[in-house]
Full PDB file with SEQRES, HELIX, SHEET, SSBOND, CRYST1, ORIGX, SCALE, CONECT and MASTER records, all heavy atoms in Angstrom:
SEQRES   1 A   37  VAL ASP LYS ILE LEU GLY LEU GLU LEU GLY SER ASP ASP          
SEQRES   2 A   37  TYR LEU VAL LYS PRO PHE SER PRO ARG GLU LEU VAL ALA          
SEQRES   3 A   37  ARG ILE ARG ARG GLN LEU GLN ARG TRP TYR LYS                  
HELIX    1 AA1 ASP A    2  GLU A    8  1                                   7    
HELIX    2 AA2 PRO A   21  TYR A   36  1                                  16    
CRYST1    1.000    1.000    1.000  90.00  90.00  90.00 P 1           1          
ORIGX1      1.000000  0.000000  0.000000        0.00000                         
ORIGX2      0.000000  1.000000  0.000000        0.00000                         
ORIGX3      0.000000  0.000000  1.000000        0.00000                         
SCALE1      1.000000  0.000000  0.000000        0.00000                         
SCALE2      0.000000  1.000000  0.000000        0.00000                         
SCALE3      0.000000  0.000000  1.000000        0.00000                         
ATOM      1  N   VAL A   1    -219.404   8.680 100.449  1.00  0.00           N  
ATOM      2  CA  VAL A   1    -219.782   9.075 101.742  1.00  0.00           C  
ATOM      3  C   VAL A   1    -221.183   8.371 102.074  1.00  0.00           C  
ATOM      4  O   VAL A   1    -221.371   7.874 103.290  1.00  0.00           O  
ATOM      5  CB  VAL A   1    -220.036  10.666 101.854  1.00  0.00           C  
ATOM      6  CG1 VAL A   1    -220.697  11.105 103.149  1.00  0.00           C  
ATOM      7  CG2 VAL A   1    -218.715  11.369 101.658  1.00  0.00           C  
ATOM      8  N   ASP A   2    -222.090   8.326 101.131  1.00  0.00           N  
ATOM      9  CA  ASP A   2    -223.371   7.597 101.356  1.00  0.00           C  
ATOM     10  C   ASP A   2    -223.065   6.122 101.627  1.00  0.00           C  
ATOM     11  O   ASP A   2    -223.736   5.532 102.559  1.00  0.00           O  
ATOM     12  CB  ASP A   2    -224.213   7.733 100.118  1.00  0.00           C  
ATOM     13  CG  ASP A   2    -224.733   9.128  99.920  1.00  0.00           C  
ATOM     14  OD1 ASP A   2    -225.061   9.898 100.878  1.00  0.00           O  
ATOM     15  OD2 ASP A   2    -224.554   9.602  98.750  1.00  0.00           O  
ATOM     16  N   LYS A   3    -222.182   5.499 100.972  1.00  0.00           N  
ATOM     17  CA  LYS A   3    -221.887   4.033 101.167  1.00  0.00           C  
ATOM     18  C   LYS A   3    -221.266   3.884 102.604  1.00  0.00           C  
ATOM     19  O   LYS A   3    -221.714   2.936 103.342  1.00  0.00           O  
ATOM     20  CB  LYS A   3    -220.896   3.570 100.140  1.00  0.00           C  
ATOM     21  CG  LYS A   3    -221.320   3.550  98.711  1.00  0.00           C  
ATOM     22  CD  LYS A   3    -220.253   3.049  97.782  1.00  0.00           C  
ATOM     23  CE  LYS A   3    -220.674   3.075  96.393  1.00  0.00           C  
ATOM     24  NZ  LYS A   3    -219.602   2.672  95.385  1.00  0.00           N  
ATOM     25  N   ILE A   4    -220.382   4.731 102.950  1.00  0.00           N  
ATOM     26  CA  ILE A   4    -219.709   4.631 104.310  1.00  0.00           C  
ATOM     27  C   ILE A   4    -220.750   4.903 105.425  1.00  0.00           C  
ATOM     28  O   ILE A   4    -220.759   4.114 106.361  1.00  0.00           O  
ATOM     29  CB  ILE A   4    -218.570   5.657 104.443  1.00  0.00           C  
ATOM     30  CG1 ILE A   4    -217.420   5.186 103.472  1.00  0.00           C  
ATOM     31  CG2 ILE A   4    -218.072   5.736 105.827  1.00  0.00           C  
ATOM     32  CD1 ILE A   4    -216.253   6.234 103.469  1.00  0.00           C  
ATOM     33  N   LEU A   5    -221.569   5.759 105.128  1.00  0.00           N  
ATOM     34  CA  LEU A   5    -222.622   6.001 106.211  1.00  0.00           C  
ATOM     35  C   LEU A   5    -223.499   4.807 106.334  1.00  0.00           C  
ATOM     36  O   LEU A   5    -223.871   4.466 107.481  1.00  0.00           O  
ATOM     37  CB  LEU A   5    -223.519   7.266 105.809  1.00  0.00           C  
ATOM     38  CG  LEU A   5    -224.721   7.621 106.691  1.00  0.00           C  
ATOM     39  CD1 LEU A   5    -224.220   7.892 108.125  1.00  0.00           C  
ATOM     40  CD2 LEU A   5    -225.545   8.766 106.180  1.00  0.00           C  
ATOM     41  N   GLY A   6    -223.954   4.260 105.296  1.00  0.00           N  
ATOM     42  CA  GLY A   6    -224.737   3.037 105.361  1.00  0.00           C  
ATOM     43  C   GLY A   6    -224.044   1.903 106.081  1.00  0.00           C  
ATOM     44  O   GLY A   6    -224.682   1.311 106.950  1.00  0.00           O  
ATOM     45  N   LEU A   7    -222.783   1.649 105.729  1.00  0.00           N  
ATOM     46  CA  LEU A   7    -222.038   0.618 106.371  1.00  0.00           C  
ATOM     47  C   LEU A   7    -221.790   0.907 107.882  1.00  0.00           C  
ATOM     48  O   LEU A   7    -221.806   0.055 108.729  1.00  0.00           O  
ATOM     49  CB  LEU A   7    -220.793   0.395 105.639  1.00  0.00           C  
ATOM     50  CG  LEU A   7    -220.823  -0.134 104.257  1.00  0.00           C  
ATOM     51  CD1 LEU A   7    -219.471  -0.073 103.505  1.00  0.00           C  
ATOM     52  CD2 LEU A   7    -221.298  -1.543 104.225  1.00  0.00           C  
ATOM     53  N   GLU A   8    -221.571   2.171 108.256  1.00  0.00           N  
ATOM     54  CA  GLU A   8    -221.309   2.532 109.594  1.00  0.00           C  
ATOM     55  C   GLU A   8    -222.585   2.383 110.400  1.00  0.00           C  
ATOM     56  O   GLU A   8    -222.563   2.143 111.684  1.00  0.00           O  
ATOM     57  CB  GLU A   8    -220.763   3.949 109.703  1.00  0.00           C  
ATOM     58  CG  GLU A   8    -219.346   3.987 109.235  1.00  0.00           C  
ATOM     59  CD  GLU A   8    -218.665   5.353 109.417  1.00  0.00           C  
ATOM     60  OE1 GLU A   8    -219.343   6.325 109.804  1.00  0.00           O  
ATOM     61  OE2 GLU A   8    -217.435   5.355 109.281  1.00  0.00           O  
ATOM     62  N   LEU A   9    -223.732   2.632 109.817  1.00  0.00           N  
ATOM     63  CA  LEU A   9    -224.942   2.497 110.557  1.00  0.00           C  
ATOM     64  C   LEU A   9    -225.391   1.088 110.759  1.00  0.00           C  
ATOM     65  O   LEU A   9    -226.220   0.681 111.541  1.00  0.00           O  
ATOM     66  CB  LEU A   9    -226.126   3.157 109.799  1.00  0.00           C  
ATOM     67  CG  LEU A   9    -226.070   4.748 109.913  1.00  0.00           C  
ATOM     68  CD1 LEU A   9    -227.160   5.265 109.012  1.00  0.00           C  
ATOM     69  CD2 LEU A   9    -226.335   5.150 111.282  1.00  0.00           C  
ATOM     70  N   GLY A  10    -224.658   0.183 110.086  1.00  0.00           N  
ATOM     71  CA  GLY A  10    -224.875  -1.354 110.346  1.00  0.00           C  
ATOM     72  C   GLY A  10    -225.253  -2.126 109.196  1.00  0.00           C  
ATOM     73  O   GLY A  10    -225.324  -3.350 109.310  1.00  0.00           O  
ATOM     74  N   SER A  11    -225.316  -1.601 107.972  1.00  0.00           N  
ATOM     75  CA  SER A  11    -225.586  -2.294 106.726  1.00  0.00           C  
ATOM     76  C   SER A  11    -224.396  -3.287 106.514  1.00  0.00           C  
ATOM     77  O   SER A  11    -223.281  -2.966 106.736  1.00  0.00           O  
ATOM     78  CB  SER A  11    -225.701  -1.392 105.610  1.00  0.00           C  
ATOM     79  OG  SER A  11    -225.648  -2.010 104.395  1.00  0.00           O  
ATOM     80  N   ASP A  12    -224.747  -4.448 106.001  1.00  0.00           N  
ATOM     81  CA  ASP A  12    -223.709  -5.404 105.746  1.00  0.00           C  
ATOM     82  C   ASP A  12    -223.193  -5.389 104.408  1.00  0.00           C  
ATOM     83  O   ASP A  12    -222.067  -5.844 104.113  1.00  0.00           O  
ATOM     84  CB  ASP A  12    -224.351  -6.904 105.997  1.00  0.00           C  
ATOM     85  CG  ASP A  12    -224.753  -7.151 107.397  1.00  0.00           C  
ATOM     86  OD1 ASP A  12    -223.829  -7.387 108.225  1.00  0.00           O  
ATOM     87  OD2 ASP A  12    -225.891  -7.131 107.746  1.00  0.00           O  
ATOM     88  N   ASP A  13    -223.888  -4.678 103.422  1.00  0.00           N  
ATOM     89  CA  ASP A  13    -223.429  -4.495 102.105  1.00  0.00           C  
ATOM     90  C   ASP A  13    -224.293  -3.394 101.530  1.00  0.00           C  
ATOM     91  O   ASP A  13    -225.209  -2.928 102.056  1.00  0.00           O  
ATOM     92  CB  ASP A  13    -223.806  -5.888 101.227  1.00  0.00           C  
ATOM     93  CG  ASP A  13    -222.844  -6.015 100.101  1.00  0.00           C  
ATOM     94  OD1 ASP A  13    -222.141  -4.985  99.721  1.00  0.00           O  
ATOM     95  OD2 ASP A  13    -222.779  -7.091  99.505  1.00  0.00           O  
ATOM     96  N   TYR A  14    -223.734  -2.864 100.432  1.00  0.00           N  
ATOM     97  CA  TYR A  14    -224.312  -1.685  99.767  1.00  0.00           C  
ATOM     98  C   TYR A  14    -224.225  -1.907  98.203  1.00  0.00           C  
ATOM     99  O   TYR A  14    -223.066  -2.140  97.700  1.00  0.00           O  
ATOM    100  CB  TYR A  14    -223.493  -0.383 100.225  1.00  0.00           C  
ATOM    101  CG  TYR A  14    -224.089   0.845  99.844  1.00  0.00           C  
ATOM    102  CD1 TYR A  14    -224.701   1.730 100.769  1.00  0.00           C  
ATOM    103  CD2 TYR A  14    -224.083   1.350  98.557  1.00  0.00           C  
ATOM    104  CE1 TYR A  14    -225.323   2.983 100.411  1.00  0.00           C  
ATOM    105  CE2 TYR A  14    -224.666   2.570  98.129  1.00  0.00           C  
ATOM    106  CZ  TYR A  14    -225.218   3.351  99.083  1.00  0.00           C  
ATOM    107  OH  TYR A  14    -225.710   4.656  98.782  1.00  0.00           O  
ATOM    108  N   LEU A  15    -225.301  -1.772  97.543  1.00  0.00           N  
ATOM    109  CA  LEU A  15    -225.430  -2.088  96.090  1.00  0.00           C  
ATOM    110  C   LEU A  15    -225.952  -0.868  95.351  1.00  0.00           C  
ATOM    111  O   LEU A  15    -227.007  -0.366  95.871  1.00  0.00           O  
ATOM    112  CB  LEU A  15    -226.083  -3.299  95.797  1.00  0.00           C  
ATOM    113  CG  LEU A  15    -225.956  -3.984  94.427  1.00  0.00           C  
ATOM    114  CD1 LEU A  15    -224.473  -4.255  94.170  1.00  0.00           C  
ATOM    115  CD2 LEU A  15    -226.825  -5.147  94.327  1.00  0.00           C  
ATOM    116  N   VAL A  16    -225.293  -0.310  94.389  1.00  0.00           N  
ATOM    117  CA  VAL A  16    -225.861   0.890  93.710  1.00  0.00           C  
ATOM    118  C   VAL A  16    -226.649   0.545  92.514  1.00  0.00           C  
ATOM    119  O   VAL A  16    -226.358  -0.360  91.725  1.00  0.00           O  
ATOM    120  CB  VAL A  16    -224.601   1.759  93.183  1.00  0.00           C  
ATOM    121  CG1 VAL A  16    -225.024   2.959  92.420  1.00  0.00           C  
ATOM    122  CG2 VAL A  16    -223.697   2.217  94.394  1.00  0.00           C  
ATOM    123  N   LYS A  17    -227.823   1.294  92.466  1.00  0.00           N  
ATOM    124  CA  LYS A  17    -228.683   1.113  91.246  1.00  0.00           C  
ATOM    125  C   LYS A  17    -228.222   1.891  90.038  1.00  0.00           C  
ATOM    126  O   LYS A  17    -227.582   2.875  90.195  1.00  0.00           O  
ATOM    127  CB  LYS A  17    -230.077   1.707  91.553  1.00  0.00           C  
ATOM    128  CG  LYS A  17    -230.832   1.081  92.783  1.00  0.00           C  
ATOM    129  CD  LYS A  17    -232.241   1.876  92.945  1.00  0.00           C  
ATOM    130  CE  LYS A  17    -232.990   1.292  94.119  1.00  0.00           C  
ATOM    131  NZ  LYS A  17    -234.117   1.992  94.384  1.00  0.00           N  
ATOM    132  N   PRO A  18    -228.338   1.337  88.879  1.00  0.00           N  
ATOM    133  CA  PRO A  18    -229.081   0.054  88.549  1.00  0.00           C  
ATOM    134  C   PRO A  18    -228.044  -1.023  88.862  1.00  0.00           C  
ATOM    135  O   PRO A  18    -226.832  -0.942  88.651  1.00  0.00           O  
ATOM    136  CB  PRO A  18    -229.251   0.178  87.078  1.00  0.00           C  
ATOM    137  CG  PRO A  18    -228.276   1.106  86.545  1.00  0.00           C  
ATOM    138  CD  PRO A  18    -227.973   2.125  87.674  1.00  0.00           C  
ATOM    139  N   PHE A  19    -228.583  -2.187  89.260  1.00  0.00           N  
ATOM    140  CA  PHE A  19    -227.692  -3.402  89.571  1.00  0.00           C  
ATOM    141  C   PHE A  19    -228.273  -4.575  88.784  1.00  0.00           C  
ATOM    142  O   PHE A  19    -229.366  -4.633  88.453  1.00  0.00           O  
ATOM    143  CB  PHE A  19    -227.658  -3.571  91.072  1.00  0.00           C  
ATOM    144  CG  PHE A  19    -229.006  -3.764  91.762  1.00  0.00           C  
ATOM    145  CD1 PHE A  19    -229.687  -4.907  91.707  1.00  0.00           C  
ATOM    146  CD2 PHE A  19    -229.633  -2.625  92.331  1.00  0.00           C  
ATOM    147  CE1 PHE A  19    -230.956  -5.078  92.303  1.00  0.00           C  
ATOM    148  CE2 PHE A  19    -230.884  -2.750  92.946  1.00  0.00           C  
ATOM    149  CZ  PHE A  19    -231.520  -3.989  92.882  1.00  0.00           C  
ATOM    150  N   SER A  20    -227.413  -5.637  88.797  1.00  0.00           N  
ATOM    151  CA  SER A  20    -227.781  -6.868  88.158  1.00  0.00           C  
ATOM    152  C   SER A  20    -228.535  -7.692  89.338  1.00  0.00           C  
ATOM    153  O   SER A  20    -228.020  -7.875  90.429  1.00  0.00           O  
ATOM    154  CB  SER A  20    -226.600  -7.617  87.810  1.00  0.00           C  
ATOM    155  OG  SER A  20    -226.888  -9.085  87.608  1.00  0.00           O  
ATOM    156  N   PRO A  21    -229.785  -8.079  89.135  1.00  0.00           N  
ATOM    157  CA  PRO A  21    -230.553  -8.927  90.027  1.00  0.00           C  
ATOM    158  C   PRO A  21    -229.746 -10.145  90.410  1.00  0.00           C  
ATOM    159  O   PRO A  21    -229.805 -10.591  91.678  1.00  0.00           O  
ATOM    160  CB  PRO A  21    -231.790  -9.228  89.418  1.00  0.00           C  
ATOM    161  CG  PRO A  21    -231.992  -8.121  88.367  1.00  0.00           C  
ATOM    162  CD  PRO A  21    -230.597  -7.794  87.897  1.00  0.00           C  
ATOM    163  N   ARG A  22    -228.985 -10.739  89.496  1.00  0.00           N  
ATOM    164  CA  ARG A  22    -228.204 -11.945  89.806  1.00  0.00           C  
ATOM    165  C   ARG A  22    -227.084 -11.614  90.813  1.00  0.00           C  
ATOM    166  O   ARG A  22    -226.750 -12.417  91.661  1.00  0.00           O  
ATOM    167  CB  ARG A  22    -227.634 -12.521  88.553  1.00  0.00           C  
ATOM    168  CG  ARG A  22    -228.718 -13.153  87.578  1.00  0.00           C  
ATOM    169  CD  ARG A  22    -228.020 -13.871  86.468  1.00  0.00           C  
ATOM    170  NE  ARG A  22    -228.956 -14.513  85.671  1.00  0.00           N  
ATOM    171  CZ  ARG A  22    -229.628 -13.960  84.647  1.00  0.00           C  
ATOM    172  NH1 ARG A  22    -229.450 -12.731  84.297  1.00  0.00           N  
ATOM    173  NH2 ARG A  22    -230.565 -14.713  83.886  1.00  0.00           N  
ATOM    174  N   GLU A  23    -226.446 -10.446  90.725  1.00  0.00           N  
ATOM    175  CA  GLU A  23    -225.465 -10.022  91.604  1.00  0.00           C  
ATOM    176  C   GLU A  23    -226.040  -9.849  92.950  1.00  0.00           C  
ATOM    177  O   GLU A  23    -225.459 -10.276  94.093  1.00  0.00           O  
ATOM    178  CB  GLU A  23    -224.825  -8.694  91.145  1.00  0.00           C  
ATOM    179  CG  GLU A  23    -223.688  -8.310  92.141  1.00  0.00           C  
ATOM    180  CD  GLU A  23    -223.042  -6.888  91.802  1.00  0.00           C  
ATOM    181  OE1 GLU A  23    -223.294  -6.325  90.594  1.00  0.00           O  
ATOM    182  OE2 GLU A  23    -222.210  -6.460  92.595  1.00  0.00           O  
ATOM    183  N   LEU A  24    -227.236  -9.236  93.048  1.00  0.00           N  
ATOM    184  CA  LEU A  24    -227.910  -9.014  94.292  1.00  0.00           C  
ATOM    185  C   LEU A  24    -228.189 -10.340  94.990  1.00  0.00           C  
ATOM    186  O   LEU A  24    -227.902 -10.617  96.219  1.00  0.00           O  
ATOM    187  CB  LEU A  24    -229.163  -8.278  94.244  1.00  0.00           C  
ATOM    188  CG  LEU A  24    -229.993  -8.104  95.445  1.00  0.00           C  
ATOM    189  CD1 LEU A  24    -229.241  -7.313  96.604  1.00  0.00           C  
ATOM    190  CD2 LEU A  24    -231.361  -7.394  95.134  1.00  0.00           C  
ATOM    191  N   VAL A  25    -228.709 -11.231  94.230  1.00  0.00           N  
ATOM    192  CA  VAL A  25    -228.981 -12.694  94.776  1.00  0.00           C  
ATOM    193  C   VAL A  25    -227.635 -13.352  95.338  1.00  0.00           C  
ATOM    194  O   VAL A  25    -227.666 -13.967  96.399  1.00  0.00           O  
ATOM    195  CB  VAL A  25    -229.706 -13.589  93.695  1.00  0.00           C  
ATOM    196  CG1 VAL A  25    -229.698 -15.011  94.146  1.00  0.00           C  
ATOM    197  CG2 VAL A  25    -231.020 -13.107  93.356  1.00  0.00           C  
ATOM    198  N   ALA A  26    -226.598 -13.177  94.553  1.00  0.00           N  
ATOM    199  CA  ALA A  26    -225.278 -13.772  95.022  1.00  0.00           C  
ATOM    200  C   ALA A  26    -224.812 -13.040  96.297  1.00  0.00           C  
ATOM    201  O   ALA A  26    -224.301 -13.748  97.204  1.00  0.00           O  
ATOM    202  CB  ALA A  26    -224.198 -13.491  93.952  1.00  0.00           C  
ATOM    203  N   ARG A  27    -225.028 -11.789  96.460  1.00  0.00           N  
ATOM    204  CA  ARG A  27    -224.609 -11.093  97.724  1.00  0.00           C  
ATOM    205  C   ARG A  27    -225.532 -11.464  98.809  1.00  0.00           C  
ATOM    206  O   ARG A  27    -225.085 -11.728  99.909  1.00  0.00           O  
ATOM    207  CB  ARG A  27    -224.694  -9.546  97.436  1.00  0.00           C  
ATOM    208  CG  ARG A  27    -223.639  -9.111  96.513  1.00  0.00           C  
ATOM    209  CD  ARG A  27    -223.606  -7.607  96.592  1.00  0.00           C  
ATOM    210  NE  ARG A  27    -222.604  -7.022  95.537  1.00  0.00           N  
ATOM    211  CZ  ARG A  27    -221.942  -5.937  95.751  1.00  0.00           C  
ATOM    212  NH1 ARG A  27    -222.069  -5.227  96.758  1.00  0.00           N  
ATOM    213  NH2 ARG A  27    -221.115  -5.498  94.767  1.00  0.00           N  
ATOM    214  N   ILE A  28    -226.786 -11.628  98.532  1.00  0.00           N  
ATOM    215  CA  ILE A  28    -227.740 -12.171  99.599  1.00  0.00           C  
ATOM    216  C   ILE A  28    -227.281 -13.609 100.035  1.00  0.00           C  
ATOM    217  O   ILE A  28    -227.304 -13.849 101.295  1.00  0.00           O  
ATOM    218  CB  ILE A  28    -229.162 -12.111  99.086  1.00  0.00           C  
ATOM    219  CG1 ILE A  28    -229.637 -10.756  98.880  1.00  0.00           C  
ATOM    220  CG2 ILE A  28    -230.006 -13.059  99.953  1.00  0.00           C  
ATOM    221  CD1 ILE A  28    -230.994 -10.641  98.195  1.00  0.00           C  
ATOM    222  N   ARG A  29    -226.969 -14.455  99.121  1.00  0.00           N  
ATOM    223  CA  ARG A  29    -226.482 -15.752  99.515  1.00  0.00           C  
ATOM    224  C   ARG A  29    -225.198 -15.736 100.350  1.00  0.00           C  
ATOM    225  O   ARG A  29    -225.085 -16.443 101.391  1.00  0.00           O  
ATOM    226  CB  ARG A  29    -226.322 -16.615  98.267  1.00  0.00           C  
ATOM    227  CG  ARG A  29    -225.922 -18.018  98.543  1.00  0.00           C  
ATOM    228  CD  ARG A  29    -225.618 -18.816  97.297  1.00  0.00           C  
ATOM    229  NE  ARG A  29    -226.784 -18.795  96.371  1.00  0.00           N  
ATOM    230  CZ  ARG A  29    -226.827 -18.260  95.114  1.00  0.00           C  
ATOM    231  NH1 ARG A  29    -225.882 -17.592  94.772  1.00  0.00           N  
ATOM    232  NH2 ARG A  29    -227.985 -18.335  94.490  1.00  0.00           N  
ATOM    233  N   ARG A  30    -224.380 -14.806 100.020  1.00  0.00           N  
ATOM    234  CA  ARG A  30    -223.123 -14.711 100.814  1.00  0.00           C  
ATOM    235  C   ARG A  30    -223.332 -14.245 102.058  1.00  0.00           C  
ATOM    236  O   ARG A  30    -222.794 -14.720 103.193  1.00  0.00           O  
ATOM    237  CB  ARG A  30    -222.147 -13.740 100.071  1.00  0.00           C  
ATOM    238  CG  ARG A  30    -220.815 -13.621 100.795  1.00  0.00           C  
ATOM    239  CD  ARG A  30    -219.798 -12.720 100.093  1.00  0.00           C  
ATOM    240  NE  ARG A  30    -220.329 -11.295 100.187  1.00  0.00           N  
ATOM    241  CZ  ARG A  30    -219.735 -10.232  99.621  1.00  0.00           C  
ATOM    242  NH1 ARG A  30    -218.642 -10.443  98.900  1.00  0.00           N  
ATOM    243  NH2 ARG A  30    -220.265  -9.043  99.773  1.00  0.00           N  
ATOM    244  N   GLN A  31    -224.290 -13.181 102.345  1.00  0.00           N  
ATOM    245  CA  GLN A  31    -224.516 -12.689 103.675  1.00  0.00           C  
ATOM    246  C   GLN A  31    -225.296 -13.687 104.500  1.00  0.00           C  
ATOM    247  O   GLN A  31    -224.978 -13.768 105.781  1.00  0.00           O  
ATOM    248  CB  GLN A  31    -225.448 -11.438 103.525  1.00  0.00           C  
ATOM    249  CG  GLN A  31    -224.682 -10.308 102.932  1.00  0.00           C  
ATOM    250  CD  GLN A  31    -223.461  -9.771 103.795  1.00  0.00           C  
ATOM    251  OE1 GLN A  31    -223.490  -9.960 105.028  1.00  0.00           O  
ATOM    252  NE2 GLN A  31    -222.497  -9.235 103.079  1.00  0.00           N  
ATOM    253  N   LEU A  32    -226.155 -14.516 103.912  1.00  0.00           N  
ATOM    254  CA  LEU A  32    -226.890 -15.409 104.682  1.00  0.00           C  
ATOM    255  C   LEU A  32    -225.874 -16.652 105.094  1.00  0.00           C  
ATOM    256  O   LEU A  32    -226.016 -17.198 106.201  1.00  0.00           O  
ATOM    257  CB  LEU A  32    -227.969 -16.089 103.838  1.00  0.00           C  
ATOM    258  CG  LEU A  32    -229.218 -15.059 103.746  1.00  0.00           C  
ATOM    259  CD1 LEU A  32    -230.192 -15.717 102.765  1.00  0.00           C  
ATOM    260  CD2 LEU A  32    -229.850 -14.905 105.103  1.00  0.00           C  
ATOM    261  N   GLN A  33    -224.909 -16.928 104.258  1.00  0.00           N  
ATOM    262  CA  GLN A  33    -223.991 -17.936 104.623  1.00  0.00           C  
ATOM    263  C   GLN A  33    -223.127 -17.508 105.812  1.00  0.00           C  
ATOM    264  O   GLN A  33    -222.914 -18.290 106.800  1.00  0.00           O  
ATOM    265  CB  GLN A  33    -223.037 -18.367 103.485  1.00  0.00           C  
ATOM    266  CG  GLN A  33    -223.737 -19.185 102.309  1.00  0.00           C  
ATOM    267  CD  GLN A  33    -222.909 -19.221 101.122  1.00  0.00           C  
ATOM    268  OE1 GLN A  33    -221.968 -18.478 100.846  1.00  0.00           O  
ATOM    269  NE2 GLN A  33    -223.210 -20.330 100.324  1.00  0.00           N  
ATOM    270  N   ARG A  34    -222.667 -16.177 105.772  1.00  0.00           N  
ATOM    271  CA  ARG A  34    -221.976 -15.652 106.872  1.00  0.00           C  
ATOM    272  C   ARG A  34    -222.812 -15.671 108.204  1.00  0.00           C  
ATOM    273  O   ARG A  34    -222.350 -16.046 109.243  1.00  0.00           O  
ATOM    274  CB  ARG A  34    -221.519 -14.185 106.588  1.00  0.00           C  
ATOM    275  CG  ARG A  34    -220.749 -13.502 107.597  1.00  0.00           C  
ATOM    276  CD  ARG A  34    -220.512 -12.116 107.261  1.00  0.00           C  
ATOM    277  NE  ARG A  34    -219.577 -12.008 106.159  1.00  0.00           N  
ATOM    278  CZ  ARG A  34    -219.573 -11.075 105.242  1.00  0.00           C  
ATOM    279  NH1 ARG A  34    -220.463 -10.051 105.306  1.00  0.00           N  
ATOM    280  NH2 ARG A  34    -218.627 -11.013 104.284  1.00  0.00           N  
ATOM    281  N   TRP A  35    -224.032 -15.267 107.964  1.00  0.00           N  
ATOM    282  CA  TRP A  35    -224.903 -15.178 109.163  1.00  0.00           C  
ATOM    283  C   TRP A  35    -225.163 -16.560 109.745  1.00  0.00           C  
ATOM    284  O   TRP A  35    -225.227 -16.784 110.996  1.00  0.00           O  
ATOM    285  CB  TRP A  35    -226.279 -14.509 108.758  1.00  0.00           C  
ATOM    286  CG  TRP A  35    -227.288 -14.597 109.862  1.00  0.00           C  
ATOM    287  CD1 TRP A  35    -228.411 -15.405 109.817  1.00  0.00           C  
ATOM    288  CD2 TRP A  35    -227.351 -13.834 111.048  1.00  0.00           C  
ATOM    289  NE1 TRP A  35    -229.102 -15.188 111.074  1.00  0.00           N  
ATOM    290  CE2 TRP A  35    -228.467 -14.164 111.687  1.00  0.00           C  
ATOM    291  CE3 TRP A  35    -226.537 -12.870 111.507  1.00  0.00           C  
ATOM    292  CZ2 TRP A  35    -228.810 -13.753 112.993  1.00  0.00           C  
ATOM    293  CZ3 TRP A  35    -226.846 -12.317 112.768  1.00  0.00           C  
ATOM    294  CH2 TRP A  35    -228.052 -12.718 113.488  1.00  0.00           C  
ATOM    295  N   TYR A  36    -225.299 -17.574 108.841  1.00  0.00           N  
ATOM    296  CA  TYR A  36    -225.612 -19.048 109.297  1.00  0.00           C  
ATOM    297  C   TYR A  36    -224.416 -19.457 110.061  1.00  0.00           C  
ATOM    298  O   TYR A  36    -224.481 -20.142 111.163  1.00  0.00           O  
ATOM    299  CB  TYR A  36    -225.705 -19.826 107.972  1.00  0.00           C  
ATOM    300  CG  TYR A  36    -226.065 -21.338 108.172  1.00  0.00           C  
ATOM    301  CD1 TYR A  36    -227.266 -21.677 108.565  1.00  0.00           C  
ATOM    302  CD2 TYR A  36    -225.116 -22.232 107.909  1.00  0.00           C  
ATOM    303  CE1 TYR A  36    -227.643 -22.966 108.697  1.00  0.00           C  
ATOM    304  CE2 TYR A  36    -225.474 -23.702 107.972  1.00  0.00           C  
ATOM    305  CZ  TYR A  36    -226.691 -23.996 108.487  1.00  0.00           C  
ATOM    306  OH  TYR A  36    -227.013 -25.324 108.555  1.00  0.00           O  
ATOM    307  N   LYS A  37    -223.160 -19.083 109.669  1.00  0.00           N  
ATOM    308  CA  LYS A  37    -221.917 -19.483 110.395  1.00  0.00           C  
ATOM    309  C   LYS A  37    -221.804 -18.732 111.693  1.00  0.00           C  
ATOM    310  O   LYS A  37    -221.493 -19.247 112.679  1.00  0.00           O  
ATOM    311  CB  LYS A  37    -220.693 -19.254 109.488  1.00  0.00           C  
ATOM    312  CG  LYS A  37    -219.434 -19.569 110.187  1.00  0.00           C  
ATOM    313  CD  LYS A  37    -218.281 -19.350 109.188  1.00  0.00           C  
ATOM    314  CE  LYS A  37    -216.986 -19.637 109.775  1.00  0.00           C  
ATOM    315  NZ  LYS A  37    -215.796 -19.370 108.956  1.00  0.00           N  
TER     316      LYS A  37                                                      
MASTER        0    0    0    2    0    0    0    6  315    1    0    3          
END                                                                             
């Protein structure tokens, strides 16, 4: 429910703690590539 709420409010992605910083960086790169396009 929390994930869906975040996404419906406009978040592009949702990552649960604890998370891998490398995974976060990969997701950031993907979102910026999408935004760039």
